[in-house]
PDB file of N, CA and C in Angstrom:
ATOM      1  N   UNK A   1     -26.021 -11.789  11.826  1.00  0.00           N
ATOM      2  CA  UNK A   1     -25.860 -13.108  11.255  1.00  0.00           C
ATOM      3  C   UNK A   1     -25.019 -13.938  12.213  1.00  0.00           C
ATOM      4  N   UNK A   2     -25.435 -15.154  12.423  1.00  0.00           N
ATOM      5  CA  UNK A   2     -24.697 -16.055  13.295  1.00  0.00           C
ATOM      6  C   UNK A   2     -23.456 -16.566  12.564  1.00  0.00           C
ATOM      7  N   UNK A   3     -22.444 -16.917  13.337  1.00  0.00           N
ATOM      8  CA  UNK A   3     -21.183 -17.392  12.766  1.00  0.00           C
ATOM      9  C   UNK A   3     -21.410 -18.628  11.897  1.00  0.00           C
ATOM     10  N   UNK A   4     -22.309 -19.500  12.325  1.00  0.00           N
ATOM     11  CA  UNK A   4     -22.586 -20.716  11.558  1.00  0.00           C
ATOM     12  C   UNK A   4     -23.145 -20.356  10.176  1.00  0.00           C
ATOM     13  N   UNK A   5     -24.092 -19.419  10.150  1.00  0.00           N
ATOM     14  CA  UNK A   5     -24.685 -18.994   8.879  1.00  0.00           C
ATOM     15  C   UNK A   5     -23.643 -18.325   7.982  1.00  0.00           C
ATOM     16  N   UNK A   6     -22.808 -17.504   8.592  1.00  0.00           N
ATOM     17  CA  UNK A   6     -21.747 -16.839   7.837  1.00  0.00           C
ATOM     18  C   UNK A   6     -20.792 -17.879   7.253  1.00  0.00           C
ATOM     19  N   UNK A   7     -20.412 -18.857   8.065  1.00  0.00           N
ATOM     20  CA  UNK A   7     -19.508 -19.911   7.608  1.00  0.00           C
ATOM     21  C   UNK A   7     -20.081 -20.700   6.449  1.00  0.00           C
ATOM     22  N   UNK A   8     -21.363 -21.003   6.533  1.00  0.00           N
ATOM     23  CA  UNK A   8     -22.014 -21.748   5.451  1.00  0.00           C
ATOM     24  C   UNK A   8     -22.051 -20.915   4.170  1.00  0.00           C
ATOM     25  N   UNK A   9     -22.374 -19.652   4.316  1.00  0.00           N
ATOM     26  CA  UNK A   9     -22.420 -18.758   3.152  1.00  0.00           C
ATOM     27  C   UNK A   9     -21.046 -18.674   2.501  1.00  0.00           C
ATOM     28  N   UNK A  10     -20.010 -18.570   3.332  1.00  0.00           N
ATOM     29  CA  UNK A  10     -18.637 -18.518   2.822  1.00  0.00           C
ATOM     30  C   UNK A  10     -18.259 -19.817   2.126  1.00  0.00           C
ATOM     31  N   UNK A  11     -18.550 -20.933   2.781  1.00  0.00           N
ATOM     32  CA  UNK A  11     -18.172 -22.242   2.237  1.00  0.00           C
ATOM     33  C   UNK A  11     -18.865 -22.547   0.913  1.00  0.00           C
ATOM     34  N   UNK A  12     -20.122 -22.109   0.792  1.00  0.00           N
ATOM     35  CA  UNK A  12     -20.861 -22.361  -0.448  1.00  0.00           C
ATOM     36  C   UNK A  12     -20.286 -21.543  -1.599  1.00  0.00           C
ATOM     37  N   UNK A  13     -19.794 -20.358  -1.291  1.00  0.00           N
ATOM     38  CA  UNK A  13     -19.157 -19.522  -2.301  1.00  0.00           C
ATOM     39  C   UNK A  13     -20.087 -18.980  -3.366  1.00  0.00           C
ATOM     40  N   UNK A  14     -21.384 -19.095  -3.152  1.00  0.00           N
ATOM     41  CA  UNK A  14     -22.347 -18.629  -4.148  1.00  0.00           C
ATOM     42  C   UNK A  14     -22.684 -17.154  -3.988  1.00  0.00           C
ATOM     43  N   UNK A  15     -22.484 -16.638  -2.777  1.00  0.00           N
ATOM     44  CA  UNK A  15     -22.838 -15.248  -2.494  1.00  0.00           C
ATOM     45  C   UNK A  15     -21.608 -14.489  -2.020  1.00  0.00           C
ATOM     46  N   UNK A  16     -21.587 -13.207  -2.314  1.00  0.00           N
ATOM     47  CA  UNK A  16     -20.518 -12.338  -1.838  1.00  0.00           C
ATOM     48  C   UNK A  16     -20.734 -12.072  -0.352  1.00  0.00           C
ATOM     49  N   UNK A  17     -19.701 -12.274   0.460  1.00  0.00           N
ATOM     50  CA  UNK A  17     -19.834 -12.088   1.907  1.00  0.00           C
ATOM     51  C   UNK A  17     -19.306 -10.740   2.379  1.00  0.00           C
ATOM     52  N   UNK A  18     -18.750  -9.953   1.481  1.00  0.00           N
ATOM     53  CA  UNK A  18     -18.109  -8.702   1.885  1.00  0.00           C
ATOM     54  C   UNK A  18     -19.081  -7.758   2.584  1.00  0.00           C
ATOM     55  N   UNK A  19     -20.337  -7.750   2.159  1.00  0.00           N
ATOM     56  CA  UNK A  19     -21.318  -6.863   2.792  1.00  0.00           C
ATOM     57  C   UNK A  19     -21.670  -7.309   4.208  1.00  0.00           C
ATOM     58  N   UNK A  20     -21.339  -8.539   4.552  1.00  0.00           N
ATOM     59  CA  UNK A  20     -21.619  -9.057   5.889  1.00  0.00           C
ATOM     60  C   UNK A  20     -20.485  -8.764   6.872  1.00  0.00           C
ATOM     61  N   UNK A  21     -19.419  -8.171   6.401  1.00  0.00           N
ATOM     62  CA  UNK A  21     -18.259  -7.890   7.250  1.00  0.00           C
ATOM     63  C   UNK A  21     -18.256  -6.430   7.694  1.00  0.00           C
ATOM     64  N   UNK A  22     -17.803  -6.189   8.909  1.00  0.00           N
ATOM     65  CA  UNK A  22     -17.619  -4.824   9.402  1.00  0.00           C
ATOM     66  C   UNK A  22     -16.152  -4.459   9.176  1.00  0.00           C
ATOM     67  N   UNK A  23     -15.892  -3.663   8.165  1.00  0.00           N
ATOM     68  CA  UNK A  23     -14.522  -3.304   7.796  1.00  0.00           C
ATOM     69  C   UNK A  23     -14.095  -1.957   8.362  1.00  0.00           C
ATOM     70  N   UNK A  24     -14.939  -1.365   9.208  1.00  0.00           N
ATOM     71  CA  UNK A  24     -14.661  -0.017   9.702  1.00  0.00           C
ATOM     72  C   UNK A  24     -13.387   0.062  10.547  1.00  0.00           C
ATOM     73  N   UNK A  25     -13.040  -0.994  11.233  1.00  0.00           N
ATOM     74  CA  UNK A  25     -11.848  -0.968  12.075  1.00  0.00           C
ATOM     75  C   UNK A  25     -10.655  -1.668  11.461  1.00  0.00           C
ATOM     76  N   UNK A  26     -10.758  -1.974  10.180  1.00  0.00           N
ATOM     77  CA  UNK A  26      -9.705  -2.703   9.489  1.00  0.00           C
ATOM     78  C   UNK A  26      -8.443  -1.864   9.375  1.00  0.00           C
ATOM     79  N   UNK A  27      -7.307  -2.453   9.726  1.00  0.00           N
ATOM     80  CA  UNK A  27      -6.014  -1.777   9.608  1.00  0.00           C
ATOM     81  C   UNK A  27      -5.005  -2.748   9.035  1.00  0.00           C
ATOM     82  N   UNK A  28      -4.103  -2.223   8.230  1.00  0.00           N
ATOM     83  CA  UNK A  28      -3.024  -3.048   7.692  1.00  0.00           C
ATOM     84  C   UNK A  28      -1.849  -2.970   8.646  1.00  0.00           C
ATOM     85  N   UNK A  29      -1.304  -4.100   9.047  1.00  0.00           N
ATOM     86  CA  UNK A  29      -0.181  -4.069   9.996  1.00  0.00           C
ATOM     87  C   UNK A  29       1.045  -3.378   9.402  1.00  0.00           C
ATOM     88  N   UNK A  30       1.712  -2.621  10.226  1.00  0.00           N
ATOM     89  CA  UNK A  30       2.937  -1.901   9.838  1.00  0.00           C
ATOM     90  C   UNK A  30       2.723  -0.925   8.692  1.00  0.00           C
ATOM     91  N   UNK A  31       1.508  -0.415   8.514  1.00  0.00           N
ATOM     92  CA  UNK A  31       1.223   0.502   7.423  1.00  0.00           C
ATOM     93  C   UNK A  31       0.815   1.888   7.908  1.00  0.00           C
ATOM     94  N   UNK A  32       0.960   2.151   9.201  1.00  0.00           N
ATOM     95  CA  UNK A  32       0.611   3.468   9.716  1.00  0.00           C
ATOM     96  C   UNK A  32       1.584   4.491   9.146  1.00  0.00           C
ATOM     97  N   UNK A  33       1.069   5.512   8.461  1.00  0.00           N
ATOM     98  CA  UNK A  33       1.977   6.496   7.875  1.00  0.00           C
ATOM     99  C   UNK A  33       2.728   7.290   8.939  1.00  0.00           C
ATOM    100  N   UNK A  34       3.965   7.577   8.634  1.00  0.00           N
ATOM    101  CA  UNK A  34       4.799   8.383   9.525  1.00  0.00           C
ATOM    102  C   UNK A  34       5.561   9.376   8.676  1.00  0.00           C
ATOM    103  N   UNK A  35       5.436  10.641   9.011  1.00  0.00           N
ATOM    104  CA  UNK A  35       6.060  11.694   8.221  1.00  0.00           C
ATOM    105  C   UNK A  35       7.572  11.723   8.472  1.00  0.00           C
ATOM    106  N   UNK A  36       8.312  11.807   7.370  1.00  0.00           N
ATOM    107  CA  UNK A  36       9.768  11.909   7.420  1.00  0.00           C
ATOM    108  C   UNK A  36      10.180  13.022   6.464  1.00  0.00           C
ATOM    109  N   UNK A  37      10.974  13.941   6.919  1.00  0.00           N
ATOM    110  CA  UNK A  37      11.465  15.021   6.069  1.00  0.00           C
ATOM    111  C   UNK A  37      12.884  14.703   5.616  1.00  0.00           C
ATOM    112  N   UNK A  38      13.101  14.822   4.339  1.00  0.00           N
ATOM    113  CA  UNK A  38      14.413  14.542   3.756  1.00  0.00           C
ATOM    114  C   UNK A  38      14.759  15.691   2.818  1.00  0.00           C
ATOM    115  N   UNK A  39      15.965  16.202   2.930  1.00  0.00           N
ATOM    116  CA  UNK A  39      16.431  17.257   2.023  1.00  0.00           C
ATOM    117  C   UNK A  39      17.244  16.625   0.903  1.00  0.00           C
ATOM    118  N   UNK A  40      16.902  16.976  -0.340  1.00  0.00           N
ATOM    119  CA  UNK A  40      17.614  16.486  -1.514  1.00  0.00           C
ATOM    120  C   UNK A  40      18.237  17.669  -2.244  1.00  0.00           C
ATOM    121  N   UNK A  41      19.370  17.460  -2.916  1.00  0.00           N
ATOM    122  CA  UNK A  41      19.917  18.532  -3.750  1.00  0.00           C
ATOM    123  C   UNK A  41      18.984  18.788  -4.941  1.00  0.00           C
ATOM    124  N   UNK A  42      19.057  20.002  -5.481  1.00  0.00           N
ATOM    125  CA  UNK A  42      18.162  20.412  -6.569  1.00  0.00           C
ATOM    126  C   UNK A  42      18.214  19.466  -7.763  1.00  0.00           C
ATOM    127  N   UNK A  43      19.422  19.022  -8.136  1.00  0.00           N
ATOM    128  CA  UNK A  43      19.530  18.141  -9.296  1.00  0.00           C
ATOM    129  C   UNK A  43      18.771  16.840  -9.085  1.00  0.00           C
ATOM    130  N   UNK A  44      18.751  16.352  -7.841  1.00  0.00           N
ATOM    131  CA  UNK A  44      18.062  15.104  -7.545  1.00  0.00           C
ATOM    132  C   UNK A  44      16.542  15.287  -7.613  1.00  0.00           C
ATOM    133  N   UNK A  45      16.059  16.411  -7.093  1.00  0.00           N
ATOM    134  CA  UNK A  45      14.626  16.716  -7.154  1.00  0.00           C
ATOM    135  C   UNK A  45      14.189  16.831  -8.614  1.00  0.00           C
ATOM    136  N   UNK A  46      14.996  17.508  -9.417  1.00  0.00           N
ATOM    137  CA  UNK A  46      14.673  17.661 -10.841  1.00  0.00           C
ATOM    138  C   UNK A  46      14.629  16.295 -11.531  1.00  0.00           C
ATOM    139  N   UNK A  47      15.584  15.435 -11.228  1.00  0.00           N
ATOM    140  CA  UNK A  47      15.601  14.094 -11.820  1.00  0.00           C
ATOM    141  C   UNK A  47      14.399  13.278 -11.373  1.00  0.00           C
ATOM    142  N   UNK A  48      14.064  13.364 -10.098  1.00  0.00           N
ATOM    143  CA  UNK A  48      12.882  12.663  -9.578  1.00  0.00           C
ATOM    144  C   UNK A  48      11.614  13.163 -10.270  1.00  0.00           C
ATOM    145  N   UNK A  49      11.508  14.471 -10.441  1.00  0.00           N
ATOM    146  CA  UNK A  49      10.329  15.048 -11.087  1.00  0.00           C
ATOM    147  C   UNK A  49      10.210  14.594 -12.540  1.00  0.00           C
ATOM    148  N   UNK A  50      11.325  14.548 -13.249  1.00  0.00           N
ATOM    149  CA  UNK A  50      11.287  14.092 -14.649  1.00  0.00           C
ATOM    150  C   UNK A  50      10.834  12.639 -14.731  1.00  0.00           C
ATOM    151  N   UNK A  51      11.404  11.799 -13.883  1.00  0.00           N
ATOM    152  CA  UNK A  51      11.048  10.380 -13.914  1.00  0.00           C
ATOM    153  C   UNK A  51       9.601  10.165 -13.470  1.00  0.00           C
ATOM    154  N   UNK A  52       9.167  10.898 -12.459  1.00  0.00           N
ATOM    155  CA  UNK A  52       7.787  10.788 -11.995  1.00  0.00           C
ATOM    156  C   UNK A  52       6.821  11.222 -13.104  1.00  0.00           C
ATOM    157  N   UNK A  53       7.141  12.308 -13.802  1.00  0.00           N
ATOM    158  CA  UNK A  53       6.292  12.772 -14.901  1.00  0.00           C
ATOM    159  C   UNK A  53       6.246  11.747 -16.027  1.00  0.00           C
ATOM    160  N   UNK A  54       7.387  11.149 -16.316  1.00  0.00           N
ATOM    161  CA  UNK A  54       7.449  10.128 -17.367  1.00  0.00           C
ATOM    162  C   UNK A  54       6.539   8.958 -17.039  1.00  0.00           C
ATOM    163  N   UNK A  55       6.502   8.587 -15.751  1.00  0.00           N
ATOM    164  CA  UNK A  55       5.690   7.450 -15.320  1.00  0.00           C
ATOM    165  C   UNK A  55       4.247   7.845 -14.990  1.00  0.00           C
ATOM    166  N   UNK A  56       3.988   9.147 -14.918  1.00  0.00           N
ATOM    167  CA  UNK A  56       2.645   9.615 -14.613  1.00  0.00           C
ATOM    168  C   UNK A  56       2.262   9.447 -13.153  1.00  0.00           C
ATOM    169  N   UNK A  57       3.251   9.588 -12.264  1.00  0.00           N
ATOM    170  CA  UNK A  57       3.004   9.473 -10.827  1.00  0.00           C
ATOM    171  C   UNK A  57       3.616  10.684 -10.121  1.00  0.00           C
ATOM    172  N   UNK A  58       3.393  10.800  -8.837  1.00  0.00           N
ATOM    173  CA  UNK A  58       3.940  11.922  -8.083  1.00  0.00           C
ATOM    174  C   UNK A  58       5.372  11.645  -7.650  1.00  0.00           C
ATOM    175  N   UNK A  59       6.057  12.714  -7.292  1.00  0.00           N
ATOM    176  CA  UNK A  59       7.417  12.587  -6.767  1.00  0.00           C
ATOM    177  C   UNK A  59       7.411  11.699  -5.524  1.00  0.00           C
ATOM    178  N   UNK A  60       6.465  11.932  -4.633  1.00  0.00           N
ATOM    179  CA  UNK A  60       6.392  11.142  -3.405  1.00  0.00           C
ATOM    180  C   UNK A  60       6.207   9.655  -3.723  1.00  0.00           C
ATOM    181  N   UNK A  61       5.387   9.352  -4.698  1.00  0.00           N
ATOM    182  CA  UNK A  61       5.150   7.954  -5.069  1.00  0.00           C
ATOM    183  C   UNK A  61       6.410   7.283  -5.583  1.00  0.00           C
ATOM    184  N   UNK A  62       7.153   7.974  -6.433  1.00  0.00           N
ATOM    185  CA  UNK A  62       8.359   7.350  -6.982  1.00  0.00           C
ATOM    186  C   UNK A  62       9.403   7.131  -5.889  1.00  0.00           C
ATOM    187  N   UNK A  63       9.497   8.067  -4.960  1.00  0.00           N
ATOM    188  CA  UNK A  63      10.433   7.903  -3.843  1.00  0.00           C
ATOM    189  C   UNK A  63      10.030   6.686  -3.005  1.00  0.00           C
ATOM    190  N   UNK A  64       8.749   6.569  -2.702  1.00  0.00           N
ATOM    191  CA  UNK A  64       8.271   5.426  -1.904  1.00  0.00           C
ATOM    192  C   UNK A  64       8.535   4.098  -2.607  1.00  0.00           C
ATOM    193  N   UNK A  65       8.218   4.058  -3.904  1.00  0.00           N
ATOM    194  CA  UNK A  65       8.402   2.812  -4.663  1.00  0.00           C
ATOM    195  C   UNK A  65       9.871   2.426  -4.713  1.00  0.00           C
ATOM    196  N   UNK A  66      10.730   3.386  -5.038  1.00  0.00           N
ATOM    197  CA  UNK A  66      12.151   3.075  -5.142  1.00  0.00           C
ATOM    198  C   UNK A  66      12.741   2.657  -3.800  1.00  0.00           C
ATOM    199  N   UNK A  67      12.349   3.335  -2.732  1.00  0.00           N
ATOM    200  CA  UNK A  67      12.845   2.940  -1.415  1.00  0.00           C
ATOM    201  C   UNK A  67      12.347   1.556  -1.033  1.00  0.00           C
ATOM    202  N   UNK A  68      11.084   1.278  -1.301  1.00  0.00           N
ATOM    203  CA  UNK A  68      10.523  -0.037  -0.986  1.00  0.00           C
ATOM    204  C   UNK A  68      11.243  -1.129  -1.757  1.00  0.00           C
ATOM    205  N   UNK A  69      11.520  -0.881  -3.049  1.00  0.00           N
ATOM    206  CA  UNK A  69      12.248  -1.860  -3.857  1.00  0.00           C
ATOM    207  C   UNK A  69      13.633  -2.121  -3.287  1.00  0.00           C
ATOM    208  N   UNK A  70      14.327  -1.069  -2.919  1.00  0.00           N
ATOM    209  CA  UNK A  70      15.688  -1.215  -2.381  1.00  0.00           C
ATOM    210  C   UNK A  70      15.678  -1.956  -1.050  1.00  0.00           C
ATOM    211  N   UNK A  71      14.728  -1.617  -0.189  1.00  0.00           N
ATOM    212  CA  UNK A  71      14.630  -2.296   1.100  1.00  0.00           C
ATOM    213  C   UNK A  71      14.274  -3.773   0.924  1.00  0.00           C
ATOM    214  N   UNK A  72      13.431  -4.048  -0.057  1.00  0.00           N
ATOM    215  CA  UNK A  72      13.080  -5.446  -0.358  1.00  0.00           C
ATOM    216  C   UNK A  72      14.310  -6.216  -0.820  1.00  0.00           C
ATOM    217  N   UNK A  73      15.091  -5.611  -1.698  1.00  0.00           N
ATOM    218  CA  UNK A  73      16.321  -6.255  -2.178  1.00  0.00           C
ATOM    219  C   UNK A  73      17.286  -6.509  -1.027  1.00  0.00           C
ATOM    220  N   UNK A  74      17.424  -5.528  -0.157  1.00  0.00           N
ATOM    221  CA  UNK A  74      18.354  -5.650   0.960  1.00  0.00           C
ATOM    222  C   UNK A  74      17.929  -6.735   1.950  1.00  0.00           C
ATOM    223  N   UNK A  75      16.645  -6.934   2.093  1.00  0.00           N
ATOM    224  CA  UNK A  75      16.158  -7.924   3.059  1.00  0.00           C
ATOM    225  C   UNK A  75      16.344  -9.348   2.562  1.00  0.00           C
ATOM    226  N   UNK A  76      16.591  -9.521   1.266  1.00  0.00           N
ATOM    227  CA  UNK A  76      16.756 -10.870   0.705  1.00  0.00           C
ATOM    228  C   UNK A  76      18.216 -11.275   0.585  1.00  0.00           C
ATOM    229  N   UNK A  77      19.115 -10.467   1.078  1.00  0.00           N
ATOM    230  CA  UNK A  77      20.542 -10.793   0.971  1.00  0.00           C
ATOM    231  C   UNK A  77      20.980 -11.645   2.130  1.00  0.00           C
TER     232      UNK A  77
END
């Protein structure tokens, strides 16, 4: 599809253009995963597991969310 045709299709908004895009090389900036090992005391792991179970998510997810929230708060100070 030529860029002009794609632009017209987009501008008209009548058709979905997602199938016309090549998303195979799509990457989110600053989102490359990097493994980090952290040792926590047993009581902290148990508390994380209880809270993660309460929320229905994994321990890793709750750690990521809480760290992201804290870093977001710190960046706005």
